Amino acid sequence: MPLVSIIIPTYNRPEMLRLTLDSLGKQTFLDYEIIVVDDGTANNLNKLLCEQYNQVYYFKIENSGGPSKPRNFGIKKSKGKYLAFVDDDDLWLPQKLEKQVAILEDHPNYGIVHCPCKVINTLGEETSEIIGKPKDEQLKHGDVSLKMIGRFTLMTSSVLIRKTVVDAVGNFNEQMPQVGEDTHFWTRCSFNTKFYYLSEPLVLYRIHDSMSKRLKGKYFELPYYLNEVLNETYRKGQLSKSQYLQLRNNIIGRQLKEMPTGKIKTFIRLFKLYPFWFLNFENVKIFIRAVMN
């Protein structure tokens, strides 16, 4: 059985998928399988493409409109001790798997290893931007359960995770909107295992010209789902009352960032998250700044 299962959700862009598969084929670590899950593309171009590669298993499912269901299908089909996810327009640098597998093999008390990403444009040209790299690396390393929620997420294409962690926390949420489901998943993982932050960028993350417009307002519902995670974790006794209150304020702060989506809409959602959100001075300052802009 392969040590690593690489799961790629894809939909109707075989030209991008080919570039992704080519980058995986250049890995210096070879003990892996690739599971491509096609989210209902109308033609067979993805299937014909995958047949040209070794170690690639192709599946097509009914269109779900988002990455969660294809990823969960890939998890079900996976055989590896470790799982990796890569979007069908991102690329890996050759030593990505080799370095991350070595870390998890050498550090059994860590369930996840992740890294920052170099940004490439639509044409595949590298920019000077690096995302996922904090000023203080300790923010994303070790036990991040009290640092993550409402503040940051992981770059999904950069992660290598133990299958046992996925078994413990469950699959990606298929009821969520099309964006934010990865943040929800990694946040749940943060309450289950430690994260190893590898500071070297080993992924090329593609940003398309239309991405900012397409994603505008799409994260509005995310704080609601993060609040569900927080409440469930608190009910399990994994957080003290003070820790719970601190993290709830982080979620409220995250909701306040959605003010440009709609001031009244956000105002109503704040009271649903916590009726007395305005008793926190920092929240009030953020709210006033957002209203004034």
Protein backbone atom coordinates (compact mmCIF):
# COMPACT_ATOMS: atom_id res chain seq x y z
CA MET A 1 0.00 0.00 0.00
CA PRO A 2 1.21 3.55 -0.69
CA LEU A 3 2.43 5.63 2.24
CA VAL A 4 0.76 8.80 0.94
CA SER A 5 -2.58 9.36 -0.79
CA ILE A 6 -2.83 12.62 -2.75
CA ILE A 7 -6.41 13.78 -3.34
CA ILE A 8 -7.27 16.22 -6.14
CA PRO A 9 -10.82 17.55 -6.56
CA THR A 10 -11.33 18.87 -10.08
CA TYR A 11 -13.99 20.26 -12.35
CA ASN A 12 -13.81 21.09 -16.05
CA ARG A 13 -10.27 22.42 -16.41
CA PRO A 14 -8.06 19.61 -17.75
CA GLU A 15 -5.39 22.07 -18.90
CA MET A 16 -4.81 23.10 -15.26
CA LEU A 17 -5.09 19.54 -13.98
CA ARG A 18 -2.37 18.44 -16.40
CA LEU A 19 0.05 20.99 -14.92
CA THR A 20 -0.78 19.82 -11.40
CA LEU A 21 -0.24 16.17 -12.29
CA ASP A 22 3.04 17.02 -14.00
CA SER A 23 4.28 18.72 -10.82
CA LEU A 24 3.34 15.67 -8.74
CA GLY A 25 5.22 13.46 -11.17
CA LYS A 26 8.40 15.36 -10.35
CA GLN A 27 8.29 14.51 -6.65
CA THR A 28 11.49 13.09 -5.18
CA PHE A 29 9.36 10.94 -2.85
CA LEU A 30 7.71 8.18 -4.84
CA ASP A 31 5.61 6.08 -2.44
CA TYR A 32 2.24 7.64 -3.20
CA GLU A 33 -1.03 7.27 -5.05
CA ILE A 34 -2.98 10.08 -6.72
CA ILE A 35 -6.76 10.09 -6.45
CA VAL A 36 -8.44 12.48 -8.89
CA VAL A 37 -12.11 13.07 -8.10
CA ASP A 38 -14.00 14.75 -10.93
CA ASP A 39 -16.99 16.72 -9.64
CA GLY A 40 -19.24 15.89 -12.56
CA THR A 41 -17.49 17.39 -15.58
CA ALA A 42 -19.78 16.84 -18.59
CA ASN A 43 -17.06 15.45 -20.88
CA ASN A 44 -14.37 12.75 -20.54
CA LEU A 45 -11.30 14.95 -20.99
CA ASN A 46 -10.21 14.59 -17.35
CA LYS A 47 -10.54 10.81 -17.56
CA LEU A 48 -8.50 10.62 -20.76
CA LEU A 49 -5.86 12.86 -19.21
CA CYS A 50 -5.52 10.76 -16.05
CA GLU A 51 -5.07 7.60 -18.11
CA GLN A 52 -1.77 9.04 -19.34
CA TYR A 53 -0.21 8.98 -15.86
CA ASN A 54 1.00 6.22 -13.56
CA GLN A 55 -0.22 5.98 -9.96
CA VAL A 56 -3.33 8.03 -10.84
CA TYR A 57 -6.81 6.73 -10.02
CA TYR A 58 -9.70 8.63 -11.61
CA PHE A 59 -13.26 8.78 -10.26
CA LYS A 60 -16.23 10.85 -11.37
CA ILE A 61 -19.09 11.77 -9.03
CA GLU A 62 -22.32 13.71 -9.47
CA ASN A 63 -21.68 17.45 -9.49
CA SER A 64 -21.76 18.92 -5.98
CA GLY A 65 -20.62 22.45 -6.77
CA GLY A 66 -17.77 22.51 -4.27
CA PRO A 67 -14.60 20.73 -3.14
CA SER A 68 -15.87 19.08 0.07
CA LYS A 69 -17.71 16.13 -1.45
CA PRO A 70 -14.89 15.25 -3.90
CA ARG A 71 -12.33 15.46 -1.08
CA ASN A 72 -14.45 13.24 1.15
CA PHE A 73 -14.86 10.74 -1.68
CA GLY A 74 -11.09 10.73 -2.13
CA ILE A 75 -10.58 10.15 1.59
CA LYS A 76 -12.90 7.14 1.40
CA LYS A 77 -10.90 5.68 -1.50
CA SER A 78 -7.48 6.44 0.00
CA LYS A 79 -5.08 3.75 1.22
CA GLY A 80 -2.24 5.87 2.58
CA LYS A 81 -1.03 6.41 6.13
CA TYR A 82 -0.81 10.09 5.23
CA LEU A 83 -3.19 12.23 3.18
CA ALA A 84 -2.40 15.29 1.09
CA PHE A 85 -4.79 17.55 -0.77
CA VAL A 86 -3.96 19.69 -3.77
CA ASP A 87 -6.29 21.91 -5.76
CA ASP A 88 -6.32 21.26 -9.48
CA ASP A 89 -4.68 24.59 -10.30
CA ASP A 90 -1.87 24.50 -7.72
CA LEU A 91 1.60 23.02 -8.14
CA TRP A 92 4.05 21.28 -5.82
CA LEU A 93 7.78 21.80 -5.75
CA PRO A 94 9.76 18.53 -6.15
CA GLN A 95 10.73 18.00 -2.49
CA LYS A 96 7.34 18.78 -0.99
CA LEU A 97 6.41 15.23 -0.06
CA GLU A 98 9.93 14.11 0.81
CA LYS A 99 10.41 16.84 3.40
CA GLN A 100 6.93 16.63 4.90
CA VAL A 101 6.85 12.84 5.16
CA ALA A 102 10.22 12.92 6.94
CA ILE A 103 8.83 15.39 9.49
CA LEU A 104 5.78 13.29 10.37
CA GLU A 105 7.85 10.11 10.46
CA ASP A 106 10.32 11.77 12.86
CA HIS A 107 7.69 13.55 14.99
CA PRO A 108 4.89 11.11 15.86
CA ASN A 109 3.29 13.62 18.26
CA TYR A 110 2.43 15.92 15.34
CA GLY A 111 -0.57 15.10 13.17
CA ILE A 112 -0.16 17.78 10.51
CA VAL A 113 2.72 19.44 8.71
CA HIS A 114 2.11 22.52 6.57
CA CYS A 115 4.06 25.31 4.89
CA PRO A 116 3.64 28.69 3.17
CA CYS A 117 3.08 29.00 -0.58
CA LYS A 118 4.63 31.02 -3.35
CA VAL A 119 2.00 32.84 -5.40
CA ILE A 120 1.79 32.37 -9.15
CA ASN A 121 -0.51 34.22 -11.53
CA THR A 122 -2.94 32.78 -14.06
CA LEU A 123 -0.09 32.22 -16.51
CA GLY A 124 1.95 30.30 -13.94
CA GLU A 125 4.49 33.08 -13.44
CA GLU A 126 5.90 33.43 -9.92
CA THR A 127 5.19 36.70 -8.13
CA SER A 128 7.07 38.09 -5.15
CA GLU A 129 4.18 37.25 -2.82
CA ILE A 130 4.28 34.45 -0.25
CA ILE A 131 1.11 33.55 1.61
CA GLY A 132 0.71 31.55 4.80
CA LYS A 133 3.97 32.87 6.28
CA PRO A 134 3.43 34.54 9.69
CA LYS A 135 5.75 37.11 11.23
CA ASP A 136 6.06 34.80 14.24
CA GLU A 137 6.35 31.17 13.15
CA GLN A 138 5.19 29.94 16.56
CA LEU A 139 1.73 31.26 15.71
CA LYS A 140 1.26 28.30 13.36
CA HIS A 141 3.42 25.70 15.10
CA GLY A 142 2.66 23.27 17.90
CA ASP A 143 -0.64 23.47 19.77
CA VAL A 144 -2.48 26.16 17.80
CA SER A 145 -5.95 25.49 19.23
CA LEU A 146 -6.03 28.79 21.14
CA LYS A 147 -4.42 30.78 18.32
CA MET A 148 -6.13 29.65 15.14
CA ILE A 149 -9.89 30.01 15.26
CA GLY A 150 -11.10 33.19 13.59
CA ARG A 151 -7.53 34.35 12.92
CA PHE A 152 -5.85 32.16 10.31
CA THR A 153 -6.17 28.96 8.34
CA LEU A 154 -3.87 26.55 6.54
CA MET A 155 -3.19 26.51 2.82
CA THR A 156 -4.89 23.23 1.95
CA SER A 157 -2.50 22.36 -0.89
CA SER A 158 0.41 22.67 1.57
CA VAL A 159 -0.80 20.15 4.16
CA LEU A 160 0.21 16.58 4.87
CA ILE A 161 -2.01 14.99 7.53
CA ARG A 162 -2.14 11.62 9.27
CA LYS A 163 -5.15 9.57 8.23
CA THR A 164 -5.78 8.85 11.92
CA VAL A 165 -6.42 12.57 12.50
CA VAL A 166 -9.00 12.65 9.70
CA ASP A 167 -10.64 9.56 11.18
CA ALA A 168 -10.85 11.35 14.54
CA VAL A 169 -12.23 14.73 13.40
CA GLY A 170 -14.42 13.57 10.53
CA ASN A 171 -14.71 14.70 6.94
CA PHE A 172 -15.02 18.11 5.29
CA ASN A 173 -18.41 19.73 5.89
CA GLU A 174 -20.55 19.22 2.77
CA GLN A 175 -23.36 21.51 3.99
CA MET A 176 -21.20 24.64 4.09
CA PRO A 177 -20.98 27.21 1.29
CA GLN A 178 -18.36 26.59 -1.39
CA VAL A 179 -15.65 28.57 0.42
CA GLY A 180 -14.47 28.32 4.01
CA GLU A 181 -14.98 24.56 4.29
CA ASP A 182 -11.22 24.07 4.47
CA THR A 183 -10.87 26.64 7.27
CA HIS A 184 -13.64 24.82 9.15
CA PHE A 185 -11.85 21.48 8.72
CA TRP A 186 -8.39 22.69 9.77
CA THR A 187 -9.90 24.47 12.77
CA ARG A 188 -11.46 21.20 13.92
CA CYS A 189 -8.07 19.53 13.47
CA SER A 190 -6.44 22.17 15.68
CA PHE A 191 -8.38 20.83 18.67
CA ASN A 192 -7.21 17.29 17.94
CA THR A 193 -3.50 17.45 17.11
CA LYS A 194 -0.39 19.59 16.95
CA PHE A 195 0.68 21.34 13.74
CA TYR A 196 4.27 21.34 12.49
CA TYR A 197 5.07 24.54 10.60
CA LEU A 198 7.74 24.11 7.93
CA SER A 199 8.86 27.61 6.93
CA GLU A 200 10.05 26.69 3.43
CA PRO A 201 7.47 27.36 0.67
CA LEU A 202 6.94 24.06 -1.15
CA VAL A 203 3.75 24.90 -3.05
CA LEU A 204 2.91 27.25 -5.92
CA TYR A 205 -0.53 28.69 -5.21
CA ARG A 206 -2.31 30.07 -8.27
CA ILE A 207 -4.32 33.28 -7.94
CA HIS A 208 -6.63 33.99 -10.87
CA ASP A 209 -7.47 37.50 -12.04
CA SER A 210 -11.16 37.13 -11.16
CA MET A 211 -10.62 35.46 -7.78
CA SER A 212 -11.11 38.51 -5.54
CA LYS A 213 -14.43 39.42 -7.17
CA ARG A 214 -15.62 35.81 -7.14
CA LEU A 215 -14.86 35.36 -3.44
CA LYS A 216 -16.25 38.70 -2.26
CA GLY A 217 -18.82 38.06 0.45
CA LYS A 218 -18.40 34.28 0.24
CA TYR A 219 -16.93 34.04 3.75
CA PHE A 220 -19.89 35.68 5.45
CA GLU A 221 -21.25 32.39 6.81
CA LEU A 222 -17.87 31.06 8.00
CA PRO A 223 -18.00 32.57 11.55
CA TYR A 224 -21.33 30.82 12.13
CA TYR A 225 -19.76 27.44 11.38
CA LEU A 226 -16.63 28.24 13.39
CA ASN A 227 -18.87 29.14 16.32
CA GLU A 228 -20.46 25.69 16.07
CA VAL A 229 -16.99 24.12 16.31
CA LEU A 230 -16.18 26.29 19.32
CA ASN A 231 -19.41 25.45 21.14
CA GLU A 232 -18.98 21.73 20.52
CA THR A 233 -15.37 21.83 21.75
CA TYR A 234 -16.45 23.68 24.89
CA ARG A 235 -19.25 21.18 25.55
CA LYS A 236 -16.67 18.38 25.40
CA GLY A 237 -14.72 20.07 28.18
CA GLN A 238 -11.66 20.79 26.04
CA LEU A 239 -11.72 24.52 26.86
CA SER A 240 -11.95 26.55 30.04
CA LYS A 241 -14.56 29.32 30.28
CA SER A 242 -11.93 32.03 29.80
CA GLN A 243 -10.50 30.24 26.75
CA TYR A 244 -13.97 29.87 25.31
CA LEU A 245 -14.72 33.58 25.73
CA GLN A 246 -11.40 34.53 24.17
CA LEU A 247 -12.01 32.39 21.09
CA ARG A 248 -15.59 33.60 20.76
CA ASN A 249 -14.29 37.16 20.57
CA ASN A 250 -11.94 36.04 17.79
CA ILE A 251 -14.93 34.71 15.86
CA ILE A 252 -16.86 37.95 16.40
CA GLY A 253 -13.84 39.85 15.11
CA ARG A 254 -13.87 37.62 12.03
CA GLN A 255 -17.56 38.37 11.47
CA LEU A 256 -16.89 42.10 11.77
CA LYS A 257 -14.48 41.83 8.84
CA GLU A 258 -17.48 40.93 6.68
CA MET A 259 -19.03 44.39 7.14
CA PRO A 260 -18.37 45.34 3.49
CA THR A 261 -20.70 42.48 2.53
CA GLY A 262 -23.57 44.33 4.19
CA LYS A 263 -23.62 46.40 7.37
CA ILE A 264 -27.17 45.54 8.46
CA LYS A 265 -26.71 41.88 7.57
CA THR A 266 -23.51 41.72 9.62
CA PHE A 267 -25.08 43.64 12.52
CA ILE A 268 -27.88 41.06 12.77
CA ARG A 269 -25.43 38.16 12.56
CA LEU A 270 -23.32 39.60 15.41
CA PHE A 271 -26.26 39.42 17.78
CA LYS A 272 -26.95 35.83 16.72
CA LEU A 273 -23.35 34.89 17.50
CA TYR A 274 -23.43 36.61 20.89
CA PRO A 275 -26.05 39.18 22.02
CA PHE A 276 -23.52 41.11 24.13
CA TRP A 277 -20.69 41.31 21.60
CA PHE A 278 -20.59 45.10 22.03
CA LEU A 279 -19.35 44.78 25.63
CA ASN A 280 -15.89 44.06 24.22
CA PHE A 281 -14.16 47.38 23.51
CA GLU A 282 -12.03 46.00 20.67
CA ASN A 283 -15.13 44.71 18.91
CA VAL A 284 -16.78 48.12 19.18
CA LYS A 285 -13.72 49.83 17.70
CA ILE A 286 -13.69 47.45 14.75
CA PHE A 287 -17.41 47.97 14.26
CA ILE A 288 -17.14 51.78 14.27
CA ARG A 289 -14.25 51.74 11.79
CA ALA A 290 -16.20 49.45 9.48
CA VAL A 291 -19.32 51.63 9.63
CA MET A 292 -17.32 54.78 8.91
CA ASN A 293 -15.63 53.30 5.82
